[in-house]
Amino acid sequence: LTSVTPTIGTVAGGTSFTLTGTNLTGTTQVTVGGIAAINVTVVNSTTVTAVTPTHPVGTVDIVLTTPVGSATLAGSYTYAASPTLSSISPNTGNSTGGTNITLTGDHFNGASSVTFDGIAATNVTVVNATTVTATTPAHASGSVDVVLTTSIGSATLTNGFTYAPSPAITSINPTAGDTAGNTSVTITGTNLTGTTSV
């Protein structure tokens, strides 16, 4: 055996992998961390494919067995945990996008993307294994799923973020006042709920 591709996968198993080497014809079994792989297929004398079984987190050996003997790739495959998402802050933002958010959870190492209803966020930064920051894309008003993806898998916060419509001002009354200030005014418009400052 000379190599395995890929070299990392989820603890849940189910990752298809390819072994390369020589004299692999007649392969009877492949084990990953001592557990039999699934769907072992001899493609030719130099290639065998299989699917990983479930296994705890860690780096393990792969052993291929033929009637003539066995071959080992020591410490060649790593089982890693799939990411989990627990929260997003803030969980509401403007429909024009541009809201800086923080995702918390676990196993974020290697995060490659964050999407909001399938639309990619920008400025995705892996702070550490439990924290990722990003900036929301523009989206129509409503609640959307947030999905974080790593090389191991993805995690979803269903309806995790709500896009609020942008506020719009239609009038102000009165339109003039004393230079000393203290003039009470009434602003009318749409989507003004949650106003924090004027």
Protein backbone atom coordinates (compact mmCIF):
# COMPACT_ATOMS: atom_id res chain seq x y z
CA LEU A 1 0.00 0.00 0.00
CA THR A 2 1.30 3.44 -0.92
CA SER A 3 -1.55 5.87 -0.28
CA VAL A 4 -5.15 6.49 0.73
CA THR A 5 -7.40 9.28 -0.55
CA PRO A 6 -8.94 11.11 1.25
CA THR A 7 -6.97 10.90 4.50
CA ILE A 8 -9.71 12.32 6.75
CA GLY A 9 -13.41 11.67 7.28
CA THR A 10 -16.27 11.78 9.73
CA VAL A 11 -16.63 9.55 12.79
CA ALA A 12 -20.04 8.56 11.40
CA GLY A 13 -18.29 6.64 8.64
CA GLY A 14 -19.65 6.45 5.13
CA THR A 15 -16.66 8.17 3.53
CA SER A 16 -15.64 6.61 0.20
CA PHE A 17 -11.88 6.18 -0.08
CA THR A 18 -9.34 4.85 -2.57
CA LEU A 19 -6.27 2.77 -1.77
CA THR A 20 -3.36 2.58 -4.18
CA GLY A 21 -0.46 0.17 -4.16
CA THR A 22 0.71 -2.98 -5.92
CA ASN A 23 -0.45 -6.59 -6.08
CA LEU A 24 -3.89 -5.75 -4.71
CA THR A 25 -5.76 -8.28 -6.88
CA GLY A 26 -7.63 -10.77 -4.72
CA THR A 27 -8.10 -8.38 -1.80
CA THR A 28 -10.42 -10.08 0.69
CA GLN A 29 -10.69 -7.41 3.38
CA VAL A 30 -9.82 -3.84 4.27
CA THR A 31 -9.92 -2.64 7.87
CA VAL A 32 -9.86 0.94 9.13
CA GLY A 33 -8.81 1.19 12.74
CA GLY A 34 -9.38 -2.55 13.07
CA ILE A 35 -12.98 -2.35 11.83
CA ALA A 36 -13.96 -3.87 8.50
CA ALA A 37 -14.57 -1.37 5.71
CA ILE A 38 -17.75 -1.57 3.62
CA ASN A 39 -18.21 -2.11 -0.12
CA VAL A 40 -14.62 -3.18 -0.76
CA THR A 41 -14.07 -3.23 -4.52
CA VAL A 42 -10.92 -4.31 -6.36
CA VAL A 43 -10.68 -1.95 -9.33
CA ASN A 44 -7.41 -3.43 -10.58
CA SER A 45 -4.06 -4.66 -9.26
CA THR A 46 -3.12 -1.18 -8.06
CA THR A 47 -6.44 0.26 -6.87
CA VAL A 48 -9.04 -0.74 -4.29
CA THR A 49 -12.04 1.35 -3.20
CA ALA A 50 -14.08 1.04 -0.02
CA VAL A 51 -16.26 2.94 2.45
CA THR A 52 -15.21 3.73 6.01
CA PRO A 53 -17.01 2.21 9.00
CA THR A 54 -17.92 4.25 12.08
CA HIS A 55 -15.08 4.88 14.52
CA PRO A 56 -14.22 7.24 17.40
CA VAL A 57 -12.13 10.36 16.81
CA GLY A 58 -8.48 9.61 16.15
CA THR A 59 -5.80 8.60 13.65
CA VAL A 60 -5.84 4.93 12.66
CA ASP A 61 -4.12 2.31 10.51
CA ILE A 62 -5.56 0.90 7.31
CA VAL A 63 -4.85 -2.78 6.65
CA LEU A 64 -5.51 -4.52 3.34
CA THR A 65 -5.56 -8.32 3.23
CA THR A 66 -5.13 -10.69 0.27
CA PRO A 67 -4.69 -14.50 0.20
CA VAL A 68 -0.94 -13.89 -0.04
CA GLY A 69 -0.60 -11.53 2.93
CA SER A 70 -1.46 -8.08 4.22
CA ALA A 71 -0.24 -4.53 3.87
CA THR A 72 -0.55 -1.67 6.36
CA LEU A 73 -0.68 2.10 6.03
CA ALA A 74 0.16 3.12 9.58
CA GLY A 75 -1.55 6.25 10.92
CA SER A 76 -2.84 7.03 7.46
CA TYR A 77 -6.48 7.95 8.15
CA THR A 78 -7.99 10.40 10.62
CA TYR A 79 -11.50 10.26 12.00
CA ALA A 80 -12.80 13.71 12.90
CA ALA A 81 -16.06 14.86 14.44
CA SER A 82 -18.66 16.58 12.29
CA PRO A 83 -19.33 20.25 13.10
CA THR A 84 -22.23 21.23 15.35
CA LEU A 85 -23.91 24.65 15.44
CA SER A 86 -25.47 25.86 18.68
CA SER A 87 -26.10 29.58 18.20
CA ILE A 88 -25.69 32.69 16.07
CA SER A 89 -25.35 36.24 17.39
CA PRO A 90 -27.00 38.48 16.47
CA ASN A 91 -29.78 36.37 15.00
CA THR A 92 -31.49 39.26 13.22
CA GLY A 93 -30.16 41.67 10.63
CA ASN A 94 -30.94 43.95 7.75
CA SER A 95 -32.15 42.48 4.46
CA THR A 96 -29.44 44.45 2.68
CA GLY A 97 -26.86 42.22 4.36
CA GLY A 98 -23.63 43.40 5.95
CA THR A 99 -24.43 42.18 9.47
CA ASN A 100 -21.37 40.85 11.26
CA ILE A 101 -22.32 37.61 13.01
CA THR A 102 -20.65 35.11 15.32
CA LEU A 103 -21.40 31.39 15.13
CA THR A 104 -20.73 29.16 18.12
CA GLY A 105 -20.63 25.39 18.28
CA ASP A 106 -17.90 22.78 17.98
CA HIS A 107 -15.49 21.18 15.52
CA PHE A 108 -15.25 24.28 13.30
CA ASN A 109 -11.62 23.68 12.30
CA GLY A 110 -11.29 23.83 8.55
CA ALA A 111 -14.64 25.58 8.02
CA SER A 112 -14.80 26.43 4.34
CA SER A 113 -18.12 28.24 4.03
CA VAL A 114 -21.15 29.69 5.79
CA THR A 115 -24.39 30.12 3.86
CA PHE A 116 -27.67 31.86 4.56
CA ASP A 117 -30.45 30.09 2.65
CA GLY A 118 -27.80 28.87 0.24
CA ILE A 119 -26.19 32.29 -0.28
CA ALA A 120 -22.54 32.48 0.73
CA ALA A 121 -21.54 34.75 3.60
CA THR A 122 -18.42 36.87 3.23
CA ASN A 123 -15.41 37.40 5.49
CA VAL A 124 -15.71 33.89 6.95
CA THR A 125 -13.04 33.58 9.67
CA VAL A 126 -12.33 30.54 11.83
CA VAL A 127 -11.46 32.06 15.21
CA ASN A 128 -11.04 28.66 16.84
CA ALA A 129 -12.69 25.24 16.98
CA THR A 130 -15.83 26.67 18.57
CA THR A 131 -16.16 30.11 16.95
CA VAL A 132 -16.57 31.39 13.39
CA THR A 133 -17.31 34.96 12.35
CA ALA A 134 -18.80 36.09 9.04
CA THR A 135 -20.80 38.82 7.33
CA THR A 136 -24.33 38.19 6.08
CA PRO A 137 -25.24 38.44 2.39
CA ALA A 138 -28.29 40.34 1.19
CA HIS A 139 -31.58 38.41 1.26
CA ALA A 140 -35.30 39.03 1.18
CA SER A 141 -37.06 39.47 4.51
CA GLY A 142 -37.77 36.30 6.49
CA SER A 143 -36.15 33.55 8.55
CA VAL A 144 -33.50 31.41 6.85
CA ASP A 145 -31.33 28.37 7.58
CA VAL A 146 -27.68 28.96 8.39
CA VAL A 147 -25.28 26.23 7.24
CA LEU A 148 -21.61 25.90 8.19
CA THR A 149 -19.48 23.50 6.15
CA THR A 150 -16.12 21.91 6.90
CA SER A 151 -14.16 19.19 5.12
CA ILE A 152 -15.85 16.68 7.43
CA GLY A 153 -19.47 17.71 6.98
CA SER A 154 -21.95 20.47 7.64
CA ALA A 155 -24.17 21.74 10.44
CA THR A 156 -27.44 23.62 10.12
CA LEU A 157 -29.30 26.09 12.32
CA THR A 158 -32.85 25.84 10.99
CA ASN A 159 -34.40 29.31 10.73
CA GLY A 160 -31.34 30.48 12.62
CA PHE A 161 -31.28 34.02 11.20
CA THR A 162 -34.07 36.47 10.45
CA TYR A 163 -33.75 39.13 7.80
CA ALA A 164 -35.73 42.25 8.67
CA PRO A 165 -36.89 44.69 5.99
CA SER A 166 -34.96 47.95 5.76
CA PRO A 167 -36.58 50.97 7.44
CA ALA A 168 -37.91 53.76 5.24
CA ILE A 169 -38.92 57.28 6.27
CA THR A 170 -41.80 58.90 4.41
CA SER A 171 -42.29 62.11 6.40
CA ILE A 172 -41.27 64.16 9.41
CA ASN A 173 -43.56 66.61 11.21
CA PRO A 174 -42.88 69.42 11.85
CA THR A 175 -40.18 70.03 9.25
CA ALA A 176 -38.70 73.04 11.04
CA GLY A 177 -37.94 74.04 14.60
CA ASP A 178 -36.02 76.34 16.93
CA THR A 179 -32.22 76.36 16.69
CA ALA A 180 -32.16 75.73 20.43
CA GLY A 181 -33.56 72.26 19.79
CA ASN A 182 -36.11 70.51 21.99
CA THR A 183 -38.69 70.42 19.20
CA SER A 184 -40.78 67.25 19.36
CA VAL A 185 -41.07 65.61 15.97
CA THR A 186 -42.99 62.69 14.58
CA ILE A 187 -41.37 60.45 12.02
CA THR A 188 -43.54 58.20 9.89
CA GLY A 189 -42.49 55.44 7.54
CA THR A 190 -42.29 51.68 7.30
CA ASN A 191 -40.38 48.99 9.20
CA LEU A 192 -39.48 51.34 12.03
CA THR A 193 -39.91 48.72 14.78
CA GLY A 194 -36.68 48.26 16.74
CA THR A 195 -35.37 51.75 16.04
CA THR A 196 -32.36 52.38 18.27
CA SER A 197 -31.44 55.92 17.32
CA VAL A 198 -32.46 58.94 15.25
